[in-house]
Protein backbone atom coordinates (compact mmCIF):
# COMPACT_ATOMS: atom_id res chain seq x y z
CA MET A 1 -72.75 2.03 -40.94
CA THR A 2 -70.12 3.34 -43.16
CA ARG A 3 -69.63 6.53 -41.17
CA ILE A 4 -69.37 4.58 -37.92
CA THR A 5 -66.80 2.29 -39.39
CA LYS A 6 -64.57 5.26 -40.66
CA GLU A 7 -64.77 6.89 -37.24
CA LEU A 8 -63.77 3.61 -35.62
CA SER A 9 -60.87 3.24 -38.03
CA SER A 10 -59.77 6.75 -37.34
CA ILE A 11 -59.76 6.07 -33.52
CA LEU A 12 -57.92 2.92 -33.96
CA LEU A 13 -55.30 4.46 -36.16
CA GLY A 14 -54.79 7.36 -33.61
CA PHE A 15 -54.35 4.88 -30.92
CA PHE A 16 -51.69 2.77 -32.68
CA LEU A 17 -49.89 5.95 -33.72
CA LEU A 18 -49.88 6.95 -30.02
CA LEU A 19 -48.67 3.52 -29.12
CA GLY A 20 -45.96 3.65 -31.64
CA THR A 21 -44.86 7.16 -30.32
CA PHE A 22 -44.74 5.86 -26.73
CA GLY A 23 -42.75 2.86 -27.76
CA THR A 24 -40.28 5.01 -29.71
CA ALA A 25 -39.88 7.34 -26.72
CA GLN A 26 -39.24 4.35 -24.33
CA ALA A 27 -36.60 2.93 -26.73
CA GLN A 28 -34.85 6.34 -27.04
CA SER A 29 -34.96 6.73 -23.25
CA LYS A 30 -32.93 3.45 -22.68
CA THR A 31 -29.45 5.06 -22.83
CA GLU A 32 -26.34 2.94 -22.70
CA ILE A 33 -22.85 4.08 -21.85
CA THR A 34 -19.73 2.31 -22.35
CA VAL A 35 -16.96 2.52 -19.69
CA ALA A 36 -13.31 1.45 -20.14
CA ALA A 37 -11.96 0.36 -16.72
CA ALA A 38 -8.76 -0.89 -15.12
CA ALA A 39 -8.69 -4.56 -14.53
CA ASP A 40 -8.63 -4.18 -10.73
CA LEU A 41 -12.25 -3.00 -10.90
CA SER A 42 -13.64 -6.11 -12.59
CA VAL A 43 -15.57 -7.18 -9.44
CA ALA A 44 -16.50 -3.93 -7.76
CA LEU A 45 -17.58 -2.14 -10.90
CA HIS A 46 -20.09 -4.62 -11.94
CA GLU A 47 -21.90 -4.07 -8.58
CA ILE A 48 -21.70 -0.38 -8.92
CA ALA A 49 -22.94 -0.51 -12.50
CA GLN A 50 -26.11 -2.51 -11.45
CA HIS A 51 -26.84 0.04 -8.66
CA PHE A 52 -26.49 2.96 -11.25
CA GLU A 53 -28.77 1.22 -13.69
CA LYS A 54 -31.37 0.42 -11.00
CA GLN A 55 -31.44 4.15 -10.01
CA THR A 56 -31.21 5.72 -13.37
CA GLY A 57 -32.31 3.27 -16.07
CA ILE A 58 -29.01 3.86 -17.81
CA THR A 59 -27.27 0.68 -18.95
CA VAL A 60 -23.46 0.53 -18.37
CA LYS A 61 -21.36 -1.69 -20.67
CA LEU A 62 -17.97 -2.33 -18.99
CA SER A 63 -14.72 -3.12 -20.91
CA PHE A 64 -11.74 -4.12 -18.66
CA GLY A 65 -8.09 -4.00 -19.34
CA ALA A 66 -4.65 -2.50 -18.43
CA SER A 67 -4.82 1.13 -18.01
CA GLY A 68 -2.01 1.81 -20.53
CA ALA A 69 -3.58 -0.43 -23.10
CA LEU A 70 -7.04 1.17 -22.68
CA THR A 71 -5.39 4.58 -23.03
CA GLN A 72 -4.01 3.62 -26.40
CA GLN A 73 -7.26 2.33 -27.56
CA ILE A 74 -8.95 5.62 -26.45
CA LEU A 75 -6.33 7.69 -28.34
CA ASN A 76 -7.00 5.58 -31.37
CA GLY A 77 -10.63 6.43 -31.30
CA ALA A 78 -12.25 3.64 -29.33
CA PRO A 79 -15.88 4.44 -28.66
CA PHE A 80 -15.95 4.70 -24.98
CA ASP A 81 -17.83 7.35 -22.84
CA ALA A 82 -15.74 7.30 -19.68
CA PHE A 83 -12.26 5.95 -18.69
CA LEU A 84 -11.53 4.63 -15.16
CA SER A 85 -7.75 4.03 -14.67
CA ALA A 86 -5.74 2.39 -12.01
CA ASP A 87 -3.84 5.58 -11.70
CA SER A 88 -4.02 9.27 -12.46
CA ASP A 89 -1.24 9.58 -15.05
CA TYR A 90 -2.99 7.78 -17.83
CA PRO A 91 -6.21 9.98 -17.54
CA LYS A 92 -3.96 13.04 -17.56
CA GLN A 93 -2.41 11.82 -20.78
CA VAL A 94 -5.88 11.36 -22.35
CA VAL A 95 -6.76 15.04 -21.20
CA LYS A 96 -3.53 16.35 -22.54
CA ALA A 97 -4.13 14.69 -25.91
CA GLY A 98 -7.64 16.45 -26.12
CA ALA A 99 -9.44 13.02 -25.89
CA ALA A 100 -11.18 13.90 -22.43
CA ASP A 101 -12.69 16.58 -20.59
CA ASP A 102 -10.55 18.46 -18.16
CA ALA A 103 -12.48 17.27 -14.99
CA LEU A 104 -10.50 14.49 -13.29
CA TYR A 105 -12.56 12.27 -10.88
CA LEU A 106 -10.41 10.80 -8.15
CA TYR A 107 -12.60 7.75 -7.12
CA ALA A 108 -10.35 5.40 -5.05
CA ILE A 109 -6.91 4.46 -3.76
CA GLY A 110 -5.76 1.00 -4.83
CA LYS A 111 -3.75 -1.42 -2.70
CA LEU A 112 -1.01 -3.98 -3.83
CA VAL A 113 -0.67 -7.34 -2.22
CA LEU A 114 1.37 -10.59 -2.48
CA TRP A 115 -0.90 -13.35 -3.12
CA VAL A 116 -0.25 -17.26 -2.97
CA PRO A 117 -2.61 -20.25 -3.48
CA ALA A 118 -4.20 -21.74 -0.27
CA ASP A 119 -2.15 -24.86 -0.49
CA SER A 120 1.15 -22.95 -0.81
CA PRO A 121 3.95 -23.96 1.72
CA LEU A 122 4.87 -20.29 1.95
CA ASP A 123 3.63 -18.54 5.16
CA ILE A 124 3.08 -15.30 3.23
CA GLN A 125 1.70 -13.40 6.15
CA LYS A 126 4.75 -14.21 8.27
CA GLN A 127 7.38 -14.09 5.69
CA GLY A 128 5.98 -11.03 3.76
CA ILE A 129 8.28 -9.90 0.94
CA ASN A 130 10.97 -12.19 1.86
CA ALA A 131 8.79 -15.21 0.74
CA LEU A 132 10.06 -14.32 -2.73
CA LEU A 133 13.54 -15.61 -1.80
CA ASP A 134 12.11 -19.03 -0.78
CA PRO A 135 13.68 -21.73 -3.08
CA SER A 136 10.17 -23.08 -3.88
CA VAL A 137 9.37 -19.82 -5.68
CA LYS A 138 10.38 -20.27 -9.46
CA LYS A 139 8.05 -17.81 -10.84
CA ILE A 140 6.66 -14.51 -9.74
CA SER A 141 3.64 -12.89 -11.53
CA ILE A 142 3.22 -9.16 -11.88
CA ALA A 143 1.23 -7.03 -14.37
CA ASN A 144 3.26 -5.70 -17.25
CA PRO A 145 4.83 -2.54 -15.93
CA GLN A 146 4.90 -0.91 -19.37
CA HIS A 147 1.13 -0.41 -19.39
CA ALA A 148 -0.26 -1.49 -15.98
CA PRO A 149 0.14 0.70 -12.82
CA TYR A 150 -0.09 -2.19 -10.56
CA GLY A 151 3.01 -3.65 -12.30
CA ARG A 152 4.89 -0.45 -11.94
CA ALA A 153 3.86 -0.54 -8.36
CA ALA A 154 5.11 -4.14 -7.97
CA VAL A 155 8.55 -3.19 -9.46
CA ALA A 156 8.80 -0.07 -7.13
CA ALA A 157 8.10 -2.30 -4.07
CA LEU A 158 10.77 -4.75 -5.11
CA GLU A 159 13.26 -1.95 -5.68
CA HIS A 160 12.18 -0.43 -2.32
CA PHE A 161 13.04 -3.67 -0.44
CA LYS A 162 16.18 -4.14 -2.64
CA LEU A 163 15.04 -7.40 -4.06
CA TYR A 164 14.46 -6.46 -7.79
CA ASP A 165 17.84 -7.58 -9.06
CA GLN A 166 17.59 -10.88 -7.25
CA VAL A 167 14.09 -11.84 -8.60
CA LYS A 168 13.91 -9.98 -11.92
CA ASP A 169 14.77 -13.18 -13.82
CA ARG A 170 11.81 -15.07 -12.22
CA LEU A 171 9.24 -12.48 -13.12
CA VAL A 172 6.39 -13.35 -15.53
CA LEU A 173 4.34 -10.65 -16.91
CA GLY A 174 0.54 -10.71 -17.11
CA GLU A 175 -1.17 -8.33 -19.72
CA ASN A 176 -3.01 -6.81 -16.63
CA VAL A 177 -3.29 -7.31 -12.91
CA SER A 178 -6.18 -9.75 -13.59
CA GLN A 179 -3.92 -11.98 -15.74
CA ALA A 180 -1.19 -11.71 -13.07
CA ALA A 181 -3.68 -13.27 -10.67
CA GLN A 182 -4.67 -15.95 -13.01
CA PHE A 183 -1.04 -16.99 -13.45
CA VAL A 184 -0.86 -17.76 -9.76
CA GLU A 185 -4.18 -19.28 -9.48
CA SER A 186 -3.42 -21.69 -12.38
CA GLY A 187 0.02 -22.64 -10.95
CA ASN A 188 2.14 -20.89 -13.58
CA ALA A 189 3.70 -18.78 -10.86
CA GLN A 190 4.01 -19.59 -7.19
CA VAL A 191 3.36 -16.15 -5.99
CA GLY A 192 2.06 -12.98 -7.59
CA PHE A 193 1.51 -9.10 -7.08
CA VAL A 194 -2.15 -8.55 -7.39
CA ALA A 195 -4.76 -5.92 -6.34
CA LEU A 196 -6.28 -6.35 -2.79
CA ALA A 197 -9.62 -5.93 -4.65
CA GLN A 198 -8.90 -9.31 -6.47
CA ALA A 199 -7.47 -11.18 -3.42
CA ILE A 200 -10.75 -10.36 -1.45
CA ALA A 201 -13.24 -10.83 -4.25
CA PRO A 202 -15.81 -13.44 -3.54
CA ALA A 203 -14.59 -15.67 -6.34
CA MET A 204 -11.27 -15.85 -4.63
CA GLN A 205 -12.44 -16.64 -1.12
CA GLY A 206 -10.73 -19.82 0.23
CA LYS A 207 -8.42 -19.96 -2.75
CA GLY A 208 -5.36 -18.17 -1.46
CA LYS A 209 -3.70 -16.16 1.28
CA TYR A 210 -2.08 -12.65 0.93
CA TRP A 211 0.17 -10.08 2.47
CA VAL A 212 -0.51 -6.36 2.01
CA VAL A 213 2.54 -4.63 0.60
CA PRO A 214 3.36 -1.63 2.79
CA PRO A 215 1.85 1.51 1.03
CA ASP A 216 5.03 3.46 1.56
CA SER A 217 7.03 1.09 -0.68
CA TYR A 218 5.36 2.19 -3.91
CA PRO A 219 3.84 5.35 -5.37
CA THR A 220 0.23 5.63 -4.29
CA LEU A 221 -2.19 4.11 -6.69
CA GLU A 222 -4.57 7.18 -7.00
CA GLN A 223 -7.25 5.96 -9.30
CA SER A 224 -8.90 8.60 -11.41
CA ALA A 225 -11.46 8.71 -14.10
CA VAL A 226 -12.45 11.08 -17.04
CA VAL A 227 -15.31 11.60 -19.39
CA LEU A 228 -14.14 11.27 -23.06
CA SER A 229 -14.47 14.16 -25.40
CA HIS A 230 -16.01 12.16 -28.31
CA SER A 231 -18.79 10.73 -26.02
CA GLN A 232 -22.43 11.09 -27.24
CA HIS A 233 -23.61 10.72 -23.61
CA LYS A 234 -21.32 12.93 -21.75
CA LYS A 235 -23.91 13.98 -19.08
CA GLU A 236 -24.79 10.34 -18.25
CA ALA A 237 -21.04 9.47 -18.23
CA ALA A 238 -20.24 12.28 -15.76
CA ASP A 239 -23.39 11.24 -13.69
CA PHE A 240 -21.85 7.83 -13.48
CA LEU A 241 -18.42 9.10 -12.36
CA LYS A 242 -20.21 11.32 -9.69
CA PHE A 243 -22.22 8.25 -8.67
CA LEU A 244 -18.87 6.53 -7.98
CA GLN A 245 -18.07 9.14 -5.49
CA SER A 246 -21.31 8.93 -3.58
CA LYS A 247 -21.25 7.70 0.04
CA GLU A 248 -23.00 4.41 -0.91
CA MET A 249 -20.59 3.64 -3.69
CA VAL A 250 -17.53 4.63 -1.64
CA GLU A 251 -18.77 1.76 0.78
CA VAL A 252 -19.07 -0.68 -2.00
CA LEU A 253 -15.46 0.19 -3.11
CA ALA A 254 -14.35 -0.27 0.38
CA LYS A 255 -15.87 -3.62 0.58
CA TYR A 256 -13.31 -4.53 -2.08
CA GLY A 257 -10.40 -3.04 -0.45
CA PHE A 258 -10.34 0.47 -2.08
CA THR A 259 -9.77 3.41 0.17
CA GLN A 260 -10.34 7.18 -0.22
CA ALA A 261 -7.53 9.74 -0.21
CA ALA A 262 -7.84 10.72 3.33
CA ASP A 263 -7.90 7.07 4.36
CA ALA A 264 -4.81 6.26 2.54
CA ALA A 265 -2.88 9.34 4.06
CA ASN A 266 -3.84 8.08 7.49
CA SER A 267 -2.91 4.47 6.70
CA SER A 268 0.52 5.72 5.33
CA SER A 269 1.33 7.63 8.51
CA GLY A 270 0.47 4.67 10.63
CA LYS A 271 -3.01 5.70 11.79
CA ARG A 272 -5.58 2.75 11.76
């Protein structure tokens, strides 16, 4: 009886050791990457991250903000694995500083729009940029041009239409393009320059009207991404950026108003 008991104990011990090893392997295989992303991606990227996790089992933790502010966090050692900017200049700065790998992933072209609440008396689609001169417009929200590419695009558009000097005293600056949209939605501004991706997001449906700012009135918002040098999950981060460029995810981005480089060139030349 004693011999049988010992054998049974040995079998049970082996089983639990095997079970523990299996559990540890499972835990180790559950990789998580942290992605710093421009605020205009706050809706689209959640959907893309869900698709990626479903296909790979890799969890994607997202942190959104102004591209310039995120750049400073990265240069100060923030523990991100990848950086998706609303332009290409900030990723290039990160690469130049040695904080990112050389490979630059151009994943989308962003679009700028003028957005007003649904109950606004402004006929934004008819008036276009001239709506900013309407006496009812006391405040105009834009993302802070010091660290937000969409803010710089807004200033460039105003200068292109020779309106900047007339409206500069009425500009209110959001920390990023999402906050610029919040200012208009909350009534703290009557009109705002926001990303098309935000204007057509499901949460904004029925809440406002917008006019697409002509792409030739501001520098193209070529949105690029990089894998960060200090990442402990470089392969997984690179896989995520490649996944962004896949046909299926390009379609997801298109659903939120983003185009690809070839599409943007056709649009700027008048081809539709």
